Amino acid sequence: MPTKAAARRGMKAYVLIETAPGKTKNVKKELSRITGSNSTLAHLDAVTGPYDFIAQVEGPTLDAIGRLVTDEIGAIDGVTRTTTCVAVAIG
């Protein structure tokens, strides 16, 4: 169920982030500095498994979220790959 903030922002997505070996701490520091103009990085978790981080991002449109992922997250030195999963309502 979407949060009130997500409903106001329009869209929510989860970004699965892989980092280069030895770059995880630097990537975390840079991710915490992201302040998108239309979209925001609402929550960040470090995780185990094939990804290093899962970020919850929110924005008014899918294009705004895409710009945050490509221009902000993907541009960080040490980010090797991102996979974006858009949240949808079912039922």
PDB file of N, CA and C in Angstrom:
ATOM      1  N   MET A   1       0.846  -1.178   0.000  1.00  0.00           N
ATOM      2  CA  MET A   1       0.000   0.000   0.000  1.00  0.00           C
ATOM      3  C   MET A   1       0.891   1.242   0.000  1.00  0.00           C
ATOM      4  N   PRO A   2       0.651   2.210  -0.899  1.00  0.00           N
ATOM      5  CA  PRO A   2       1.518   3.384  -0.979  1.00  0.00           C
ATOM      6  C   PRO A   2       1.372   4.269   0.239  1.00  0.00           C
ATOM      7  N   THR A   3       2.478   4.898   0.616  1.00  0.00           N
ATOM      8  CA  THR A   3       2.441   5.843   1.720  1.00  0.00           C
ATOM      9  C   THR A   3       1.795   7.127   1.245  1.00  0.00           C
ATOM     10  N   LYS A   4       1.382   7.981   2.183  1.00  0.00           N
ATOM     11  CA  LYS A   4       0.789   9.269   1.806  1.00  0.00           C
ATOM     12  C   LYS A   4       1.789  10.105   1.012  1.00  0.00           C
ATOM     13  N   ALA A   5       3.057  10.049   1.416  1.00  0.00           N
ATOM     14  CA  ALA A   5       4.086  10.813   0.697  1.00  0.00           C
ATOM     15  C   ALA A   5       4.231  10.297  -0.729  1.00  0.00           C
ATOM     16  N   ALA A   6       4.197   8.983  -0.918  1.00  0.00           N
ATOM     17  CA  ALA A   6       4.324   8.417  -2.266  1.00  0.00           C
ATOM     18  C   ALA A   6       3.126   8.811  -3.119  1.00  0.00           C
ATOM     19  N   ALA A   7       1.945   8.833  -2.521  1.00  0.00           N
ATOM     20  CA  ALA A   7       0.761   9.220  -3.277  1.00  0.00           C
ATOM     21  C   ALA A   7       0.873  10.669  -3.747  1.00  0.00           C
ATOM     22  N   ARG A   8       1.402  11.537  -2.905  1.00  0.00           N
ATOM     23  CA  ARG A   8       1.587  12.937  -3.291  1.00  0.00           C
ATOM     24  C   ARG A   8       2.645  13.064  -4.368  1.00  0.00           C
ATOM     25  N   ARG A   9       3.690  12.243  -4.302  1.00  0.00           N
ATOM     26  CA  ARG A   9       4.799  12.346  -5.242  1.00  0.00           C
ATOM     27  C   ARG A   9       4.447  11.708  -6.583  1.00  0.00           C
ATOM     28  N   GLY A  10       3.494  10.813  -6.607  1.00  0.00           N
ATOM     29  CA  GLY A  10       3.092  10.224  -7.875  1.00  0.00           C
ATOM     30  C   GLY A  10       3.529   8.790  -8.055  1.00  0.00           C
ATOM     31  N   MET A  11       4.832   8.546  -8.116  1.00  0.00           N
ATOM     32  CA  MET A  11       5.343   7.209  -8.419  1.00  0.00           C
ATOM     33  C   MET A  11       6.400   6.809  -7.396  1.00  0.00           C
ATOM     34  N   LYS A  12       6.543   5.496  -7.242  1.00  0.00           N
ATOM     35  CA  LYS A  12       7.570   4.957  -6.351  1.00  0.00           C
ATOM     36  C   LYS A  12       8.263   3.827  -7.083  1.00  0.00           C
ATOM     37  N   ALA A  13       9.574   3.721  -6.882  1.00  0.00           N
ATOM     38  CA  ALA A  13      10.345   2.632  -7.488  1.00  0.00           C
ATOM     39  C   ALA A  13      11.446   2.205  -6.529  1.00  0.00           C
ATOM     40  N   TYR A  14      11.902   0.983  -6.740  1.00  0.00           N
ATOM     41  CA  TYR A  14      13.031   0.452  -5.989  1.00  0.00           C
ATOM     42  C   TYR A  14      14.194   0.316  -6.960  1.00  0.00           C
ATOM     43  N   VAL A  15      15.350   0.827  -6.572  1.00  0.00           N
ATOM     44  CA  VAL A  15      16.530   0.774  -7.431  1.00  0.00           C
ATOM     45  C   VAL A  15      17.533  -0.170  -6.778  1.00  0.00           C
ATOM     46  N   LEU A  16      17.850  -1.256  -7.468  1.00  0.00           N
ATOM     47  CA  LEU A  16      18.826  -2.240  -7.002  1.00  0.00           C
ATOM     48  C   LEU A  16      20.177  -1.783  -7.532  1.00  0.00           C
ATOM     49  N   ILE A  17      21.131  -1.597  -6.645  1.00  0.00           N
ATOM     50  CA  ILE A  17      22.401  -0.972  -7.005  1.00  0.00           C
ATOM     51  C   ILE A  17      23.565  -1.916  -6.733  1.00  0.00           C
ATOM     52  N   GLU A  18      24.382  -2.140  -7.765  1.00  0.00           N
ATOM     53  CA  GLU A  18      25.615  -2.906  -7.621  1.00  0.00           C
ATOM     54  C   GLU A  18      26.784  -1.933  -7.624  1.00  0.00           C
ATOM     55  N   THR A  19      27.797  -2.232  -6.803  1.00  0.00           N
ATOM     56  CA  THR A  19      28.977  -1.370  -6.738  1.00  0.00           C
ATOM     57  C   THR A  19      30.242  -2.155  -7.068  1.00  0.00           C
ATOM     58  N   ALA A  20      31.266  -1.428  -7.466  1.00  0.00           N
ATOM     59  CA  ALA A  20      32.567  -2.032  -7.741  1.00  0.00           C
ATOM     60  C   ALA A  20      33.220  -2.434  -6.419  1.00  0.00           C
ATOM     61  N   PRO A  21      34.049  -3.468  -6.430  1.00  0.00           N
ATOM     62  CA  PRO A  21      34.754  -3.880  -5.210  1.00  0.00           C
ATOM     63  C   PRO A  21      35.530  -2.707  -4.602  1.00  0.00           C
ATOM     64  N   GLY A  22      35.384  -2.546  -3.297  1.00  0.00           N
ATOM     65  CA  GLY A  22      36.100  -1.502  -2.586  1.00  0.00           C
ATOM     66  C   GLY A  22      35.465  -0.127  -2.668  1.00  0.00           C
ATOM     67  N   LYS A  23      34.353   0.011  -3.359  1.00  0.00           N
ATOM     68  CA  LYS A  23      33.717   1.322  -3.544  1.00  0.00           C
ATOM     69  C   LYS A  23      32.424   1.487  -2.747  1.00  0.00           C
ATOM     70  N   THR A  24      32.024   0.471  -2.012  1.00  0.00           N
ATOM     71  CA  THR A  24      30.724   0.487  -1.354  1.00  0.00           C
ATOM     72  C   THR A  24      30.556   1.656  -0.388  1.00  0.00           C
ATOM     73  N   LYS A  25      31.544   1.916   0.447  1.00  0.00           N
ATOM     74  CA  LYS A  25      31.427   3.005   1.422  1.00  0.00           C
ATOM     75  C   LYS A  25      31.336   4.362   0.732  1.00  0.00           C
ATOM     76  N   ASN A  26      32.123   4.563  -0.322  1.00  0.00           N
ATOM     77  CA  ASN A  26      32.075   5.824  -1.052  1.00  0.00           C
ATOM     78  C   ASN A  26      30.718   5.993  -1.741  1.00  0.00           C
ATOM     79  N   VAL A  27      30.197   4.926  -2.315  1.00  0.00           N
ATOM     80  CA  VAL A  27      28.896   4.996  -2.982  1.00  0.00           C
ATOM     81  C   VAL A  27      27.814   5.350  -1.966  1.00  0.00           C
ATOM     82  N   LYS A  28      27.856   4.737  -0.784  1.00  0.00           N
ATOM     83  CA  LYS A  28      26.862   5.046   0.252  1.00  0.00           C
ATOM     84  C   LYS A  28      26.909   6.523   0.612  1.00  0.00           C
ATOM     85  N   LYS A  29      28.110   7.060   0.771  1.00  0.00           N
ATOM     86  CA  LYS A  29      28.266   8.472   1.117  1.00  0.00           C
ATOM     87  C   LYS A  29      27.666   9.361   0.029  1.00  0.00           C
ATOM     88  N   GLU A  30      27.935   9.032  -1.223  1.00  0.00           N
ATOM     89  CA  GLU A  30      27.413   9.831  -2.336  1.00  0.00           C
ATOM     90  C   GLU A  30      25.891   9.678  -2.475  1.00  0.00           C
ATOM     91  N   LEU A  31      25.373   8.486  -2.248  1.00  0.00           N
ATOM     92  CA  LEU A  31      23.930   8.284  -2.312  1.00  0.00           C
ATOM     93  C   LEU A  31      23.216   9.130  -1.264  1.00  0.00           C
ATOM     94  N   SER A  32      23.809   9.260  -0.086  1.00  0.00           N
ATOM     95  CA  SER A  32      23.173  10.039   0.978  1.00  0.00           C
ATOM     96  C   SER A  32      23.133  11.532   0.656  1.00  0.00           C
ATOM     97  N   ARG A  33      23.917  11.964  -0.313  1.00  0.00           N
ATOM     98  CA  ARG A  33      23.951  13.381  -0.699  1.00  0.00           C
ATOM     99  C   ARG A  33      22.965  13.736  -1.804  1.00  0.00           C
ATOM    100  N   ILE A  34      22.311  12.734  -2.373  1.00  0.00           N
ATOM    101  CA  ILE A  34      21.411  12.987  -3.509  1.00  0.00           C
ATOM    102  C   ILE A  34      20.205  13.800  -3.065  1.00  0.00           C
ATOM    103  N   THR A  35      19.988  14.890  -3.761  1.00  0.00           N
ATOM    104  CA  THR A  35      18.804  15.723  -3.558  1.00  0.00           C
ATOM    105  C   THR A  35      18.278  16.103  -4.935  1.00  0.00           C
ATOM    106  N   GLY A  36      17.493  15.227  -5.515  1.00  0.00           N
ATOM    107  CA  GLY A  36      16.940  15.492  -6.838  1.00  0.00           C
ATOM    108  C   GLY A  36      15.967  16.652  -6.812  1.00  0.00           C
ATOM    109  N   SER A  37      15.821  17.344  -7.924  1.00  0.00           N
ATOM    110  CA  SER A  37      14.926  18.494  -7.963  1.00  0.00           C
ATOM    111  C   SER A  37      13.458  18.071  -7.942  1.00  0.00           C
ATOM    112  N   ASN A  38      13.086  17.057  -8.705  1.00  0.00           N
ATOM    113  CA  ASN A  38      11.700  16.589  -8.740  1.00  0.00           C
ATOM    114  C   ASN A  38      11.512  15.271  -8.014  1.00  0.00           C
ATOM    115  N   SER A  39      12.548  14.462  -7.949  1.00  0.00           N
ATOM    116  CA  SER A  39      12.456  13.143  -7.344  1.00  0.00           C
ATOM    117  C   SER A  39      13.370  13.076  -6.131  1.00  0.00           C
ATOM    118  N   THR A  40      13.087  12.136  -5.241  1.00  0.00           N
ATOM    119  CA  THR A  40      13.885  12.000  -4.040  1.00  0.00           C
ATOM    120  C   THR A  40      14.270  10.550  -3.796  1.00  0.00           C
ATOM    121  N   LEU A  41      15.382  10.371  -3.131  1.00  0.00           N
ATOM    122  CA  LEU A  41      15.784   9.068  -2.634  1.00  0.00           C
ATOM    123  C   LEU A  41      15.192   9.002  -1.230  1.00  0.00           C
ATOM    124  N   ALA A  42      14.074   8.291  -1.090  1.00  0.00           N
ATOM    125  CA  ALA A  42      13.315   8.283   0.154  1.00  0.00           C
ATOM    126  C   ALA A  42      13.922   7.380   1.222  1.00  0.00           C
ATOM    127  N   HIS A  43      14.554   6.280   0.792  1.00  0.00           N
ATOM    128  CA  HIS A  43      15.104   5.325   1.768  1.00  0.00           C
ATOM    129  C   HIS A  43      16.213   4.527   1.108  1.00  0.00           C
ATOM    130  N   LEU A  44      17.215   4.178   1.891  1.00  0.00           N
ATOM    131  CA  LEU A  44      18.348   3.406   1.381  1.00  0.00           C
ATOM    132  C   LEU A  44      18.709   2.315   2.366  1.00  0.00           C
ATOM    133  N   ASP A  45      18.825   1.079   1.860  1.00  0.00           N
ATOM    134  CA  ASP A  45      19.270  -0.051   2.674  1.00  0.00           C
ATOM    135  C   ASP A  45      20.467  -0.708   2.024  1.00  0.00           C
ATOM    136  N   ALA A  46      21.474  -1.034   2.811  1.00  0.00           N
ATOM    137  CA  ALA A  46      22.562  -1.897   2.355  1.00  0.00           C
ATOM    138  C   ALA A  46      22.047  -3.325   2.523  1.00  0.00           C
ATOM    139  N   VAL A  47      22.304  -4.167   1.525  1.00  0.00           N
ATOM    140  CA  VAL A  47      21.778  -5.530   1.554  1.00  0.00           C
ATOM    141  C   VAL A  47      22.861  -6.536   1.173  1.00  0.00           C
ATOM    142  N   THR A  48      22.598  -7.803   1.486  1.00  0.00           N
ATOM    143  CA  THR A  48      23.490  -8.873   1.062  1.00  0.00           C
ATOM    144  C   THR A  48      22.931  -9.504  -0.199  1.00  0.00           C
ATOM    145  N   GLY A  49      23.744 -10.247  -0.888  1.00  0.00           N
ATOM    146  CA  GLY A  49      23.292 -10.900  -2.109  1.00  0.00           C
ATOM    147  C   GLY A  49      23.927 -10.253  -3.325  1.00  0.00           C
ATOM    148  N   PRO A  50      23.271 -10.357  -4.477  1.00  0.00           N
ATOM    149  CA  PRO A  50      23.877  -9.853  -5.716  1.00  0.00           C
ATOM    150  C   PRO A  50      23.931  -8.330  -5.798  1.00  0.00           C
ATOM    151  N   TYR A  51      23.145  -7.627  -4.967  1.00  0.00           N
ATOM    152  CA  TYR A  51      23.146  -6.162  -4.967  1.00  0.00           C
ATOM    153  C   TYR A  51      23.748  -5.674  -3.667  1.00  0.00           C
ATOM    154  N   ASP A  52      24.250  -4.449  -3.687  1.00  0.00           N
ATOM    155  CA  ASP A  52      24.848  -3.861  -2.488  1.00  0.00           C
ATOM    156  C   ASP A  52      23.883  -2.934  -1.756  1.00  0.00           C
ATOM    157  N   PHE A  53      22.991  -2.283  -2.518  1.00  0.00           N
ATOM    158  CA  PHE A  53      22.008  -1.368  -1.942  1.00  0.00           C
ATOM    159  C   PHE A  53      20.672  -1.529  -2.644  1.00  0.00           C
ATOM    160  N   ILE A  54      19.611  -1.250  -1.893  1.00  0.00           N
ATOM    161  CA  ILE A  54      18.292  -1.075  -2.483  1.00  0.00           C
ATOM    162  C   ILE A  54      17.807   0.292  -2.032  1.00  0.00           C
ATOM    163  N   ALA A  55      17.530   1.153  -3.014  1.00  0.00           N
ATOM    164  CA  ALA A  55      17.059   2.504  -2.734  1.00  0.00           C
ATOM    165  C   ALA A  55      15.594   2.609  -3.115  1.00  0.00           C
ATOM    166  N   GLN A  56      14.810   3.227  -2.263  1.00  0.00           N
ATOM    167  CA  GLN A  56      13.426   3.547  -2.606  1.00  0.00           C
ATOM    168  C   GLN A  56      13.425   4.990  -3.093  1.00  0.00           C
ATOM    169  N   VAL A  57      12.959   5.211  -4.305  1.00  0.00           N
ATOM    170  CA  VAL A  57      12.910   6.558  -4.864  1.00  0.00           C
ATOM    171  C   VAL A  57      11.463   6.915  -5.178  1.00  0.00           C
ATOM    172  N   GLU A  58      11.148   8.201  -5.082  1.00  0.00           N
ATOM    173  CA  GLU A  58       9.808   8.692  -5.345  1.00  0.00           C
ATOM    174  C   GLU A  58       9.890   9.905  -6.251  1.00  0.00           C
ATOM    175  N   GLY A  59       8.909  10.047  -7.117  1.00  0.00           N
ATOM    176  CA  GLY A  59       8.885  11.189  -8.016  1.00  0.00           C
ATOM    177  C   GLY A  59       7.525  11.365  -8.643  1.00  0.00           C
ATOM    178  N   PRO A  60       7.288  12.513  -9.265  1.00  0.00           N
ATOM    179  CA  PRO A  60       5.972  12.792  -9.845  1.00  0.00           C
ATOM    180  C   PRO A  60       5.665  11.977 -11.099  1.00  0.00           C
ATOM    181  N   THR A  61       6.697  11.573 -11.835  1.00  0.00           N
ATOM    182  CA  THR A  61       6.491  10.812 -13.076  1.00  0.00           C
ATOM    183  C   THR A  61       7.582   9.761 -13.211  1.00  0.00           C
ATOM    184  N   LEU A  62       7.350   8.821 -14.100  1.00  0.00           N
ATOM    185  CA  LEU A  62       8.358   7.807 -14.387  1.00  0.00           C
ATOM    186  C   LEU A  62       9.604   8.455 -14.995  1.00  0.00           C
ATOM    187  N   ASP A  63       9.421   9.470 -15.838  1.00  0.00           N
ATOM    188  CA  ASP A  63      10.562  10.174 -16.416  1.00  0.00           C
ATOM    189  C   ASP A  63      11.418  10.844 -15.344  1.00  0.00           C
ATOM    190  N   ALA A  64      10.775  11.430 -14.337  1.00  0.00           N
ATOM    191  CA  ALA A  64      11.516  12.084 -13.259  1.00  0.00           C
ATOM    192  C   ALA A  64      12.335  11.062 -12.473  1.00  0.00           C
ATOM    193  N   ILE A  65      11.747   9.913 -12.216  1.00  0.00           N
ATOM    194  CA  ILE A  65      12.480   8.846 -11.525  1.00  0.00           C
ATOM    195  C   ILE A  65      13.632   8.370 -12.399  1.00  0.00           C
ATOM    196  N   GLY A  66      13.391   8.214 -13.694  1.00  0.00           N
ATOM    197  CA  GLY A  66      14.446   7.791 -14.613  1.00  0.00           C
ATOM    198  C   GLY A  66      15.616   8.750 -14.632  1.00  0.00           C
ATOM    199  N   ARG A  67      15.324  10.043 -14.597  1.00  0.00           N
ATOM    200  CA  ARG A  67      16.411  11.038 -14.563  1.00  0.00           C
ATOM    201  C   ARG A  67      17.211  10.940 -13.265  1.00  0.00           C
ATOM    202  N   LEU A  68      16.525  10.718 -12.145  1.00  0.00           N
ATOM    203  CA  LEU A  68      17.228  10.560 -10.872  1.00  0.00           C
ATOM    204  C   LEU A  68      18.158   9.350 -10.934  1.00  0.00           C
ATOM    205  N   VAL A  69      17.663   8.249 -11.488  1.00  0.00           N
ATOM    206  CA  VAL A  69      18.464   7.027 -11.558  1.00  0.00           C
ATOM    207  C   VAL A  69      19.662   7.212 -12.485  1.00  0.00           C
ATOM    208  N   THR A  70      19.453   7.778 -13.659  1.00  0.00           N
ATOM    209  CA  THR A  70      20.555   7.894 -14.622  1.00  0.00           C
ATOM    210  C   THR A  70      21.491   9.056 -14.315  1.00  0.00           C
ATOM    211  N   ASP A  71      20.945  10.213 -13.983  1.00  0.00           N
ATOM    212  CA  ASP A  71      21.777  11.408 -13.783  1.00  0.00           C
ATOM    213  C   ASP A  71      22.431  11.477 -12.415  1.00  0.00           C
ATOM    214  N   GLU A  72      21.786  10.934 -11.397  1.00  0.00           N
ATOM    215  CA  GLU A  72      22.319  11.031 -10.037  1.00  0.00           C
ATOM    216  C   GLU A  72      22.940   9.707  -9.563  1.00  0.00           C
ATOM    217  N   ILE A  73      22.147   8.658  -9.526  1.00  0.00           N
ATOM    218  CA  ILE A  73      22.628   7.385  -8.980  1.00  0.00           C
ATOM    219  C   ILE A  73      23.646   6.733  -9.908  1.00  0.00           C
ATOM    220  N   GLY A  74      23.317   6.602 -11.174  1.00  0.00           N
ATOM    221  CA  GLY A  74      24.205   5.941 -12.129  1.00  0.00           C
ATOM    222  C   GLY A  74      25.500   6.673 -12.384  1.00  0.00           C
ATOM    223  N   ALA A  75      25.534   7.975 -12.095  1.00  0.00           N
ATOM    224  CA  ALA A  75      26.734   8.782 -12.321  1.00  0.00           C
ATOM    225  C   ALA A  75      27.741   8.707 -11.175  1.00  0.00           C
ATOM    226  N   ILE A  76      27.385   8.069 -10.087  1.00  0.00           N
ATOM    227  CA  ILE A  76      28.290   7.972  -8.936  1.00  0.00           C
ATOM    228  C   ILE A  76      29.445   7.037  -9.266  1.00  0.00           C
ATOM    229  N   ASP A  77      30.662   7.489  -8.968  1.00  0.00           N
ATOM    230  CA  ASP A  77      31.850   6.668  -9.176  1.00  0.00           C
ATOM    231  C   ASP A  77      31.759   5.430  -8.292  1.00  0.00           C
ATOM    232  N   GLY A  78      31.800   4.272  -8.890  1.00  0.00           N
ATOM    233  CA  GLY A  78      31.718   3.021  -8.147  1.00  0.00           C
ATOM    234  C   GLY A  78      30.415   2.285  -8.372  1.00  0.00           C
ATOM    235  N   VAL A  79      29.381   2.970  -8.900  1.00  0.00           N
ATOM    236  CA  VAL A  79      28.141   2.281  -9.242  1.00  0.00           C
ATOM    237  C   VAL A  79      28.367   1.596 -10.588  1.00  0.00           C
ATOM    238  N   THR A  80      28.252   0.276 -10.603  1.00  0.00           N
ATOM    239  CA  THR A  80      28.506  -0.465 -11.836  1.00  0.00           C
ATOM    240  C   THR A  80      27.230  -0.827 -12.587  1.00  0.00           C
ATOM    241  N   ARG A  81      26.114  -0.932 -11.853  1.00  0.00           N
ATOM    242  CA  ARG A  81      24.866  -1.323 -12.505  1.00  0.00           C
ATOM    243  C   ARG A  81      23.695  -0.983 -11.616  1.00  0.00           C
ATOM    244  N   THR A  82      22.587  -0.571 -12.237  1.00  0.00           N
ATOM    245  CA  THR A  82      21.343  -0.365 -11.506  1.00  0.00           C
ATOM    246  C   THR A  82      20.220  -1.118 -12.209  1.00  0.00           C
ATOM    247  N   THR A  83      19.269  -1.572 -11.429  1.00  0.00           N
ATOM    248  CA  THR A  83      18.056  -2.181 -11.944  1.00  0.00           C
ATOM    249  C   THR A  83      16.899  -1.489 -11.241  1.00  0.00           C
ATOM    250  N   THR A  84      15.988  -0.904 -12.022  1.00  0.00           N
ATOM    251  CA  THR A  84      14.882  -0.155 -11.450  1.00  0.00           C
ATOM    252  C   THR A  84      13.592  -0.972 -11.525  1.00  0.00           C
ATOM    253  N   CYS A  85      12.929  -1.098 -10.399  1.00  0.00           N
ATOM    254  CA  CYS A  85      11.664  -1.839 -10.298  1.00  0.00           C
ATOM    255  C   CYS A  85      10.582  -0.852  -9.875  1.00  0.00           C
ATOM    256  N   VAL A  86       9.667  -0.537 -10.773  1.00  0.00           N
ATOM    257  CA  VAL A  86       8.595   0.421 -10.480  1.00  0.00           C
ATOM    258  C   VAL A  86       7.519  -0.272  -9.672  1.00  0.00           C
ATOM    259  N   ALA A  87       7.097   0.375  -8.587  1.00  0.00           N
ATOM    260  CA  ALA A  87       6.027  -0.166  -7.741  1.00  0.00           C
ATOM    261  C   ALA A  87       4.686   0.044  -8.439  1.00  0.00           C
ATOM    262  N   VAL A  88       3.835  -0.974  -8.413  1.00  0.00           N
ATOM    263  CA  VAL A  88       2.505  -0.900  -9.034  1.00  0.00           C
ATOM    264  C   VAL A  88       1.454  -1.356  -8.035  1.00  0.00           C
ATOM    265  N   ALA A  89       0.232  -0.900  -8.246  1.00  0.00           N
ATOM    266  CA  ALA A  89      -0.886  -1.329  -7.412  1.00  0.00           C
ATOM    267  C   ALA A  89      -1.526  -2.541  -8.067  1.00  0.00           C
ATOM    268  N   ILE A  90      -1.838  -3.554  -7.270  1.00  0.00           N
ATOM    269  CA  ILE A  90      -2.482  -4.759  -7.776  1.00  0.00           C
ATOM    270  C   ILE A  90      -3.803  -4.930  -7.031  1.00  0.00           C
ATOM    271  N   GLY A  91      -4.842  -5.112  -7.769  1.00  0.00           N
ATOM    272  CA  GLY A  91      -6.142  -5.395  -7.157  1.00  0.00           C
ATOM    273  C   GLY A  91      -7.045  -4.250  -7.014  1.00  0.00           C
TER     274      GLY A  91
END
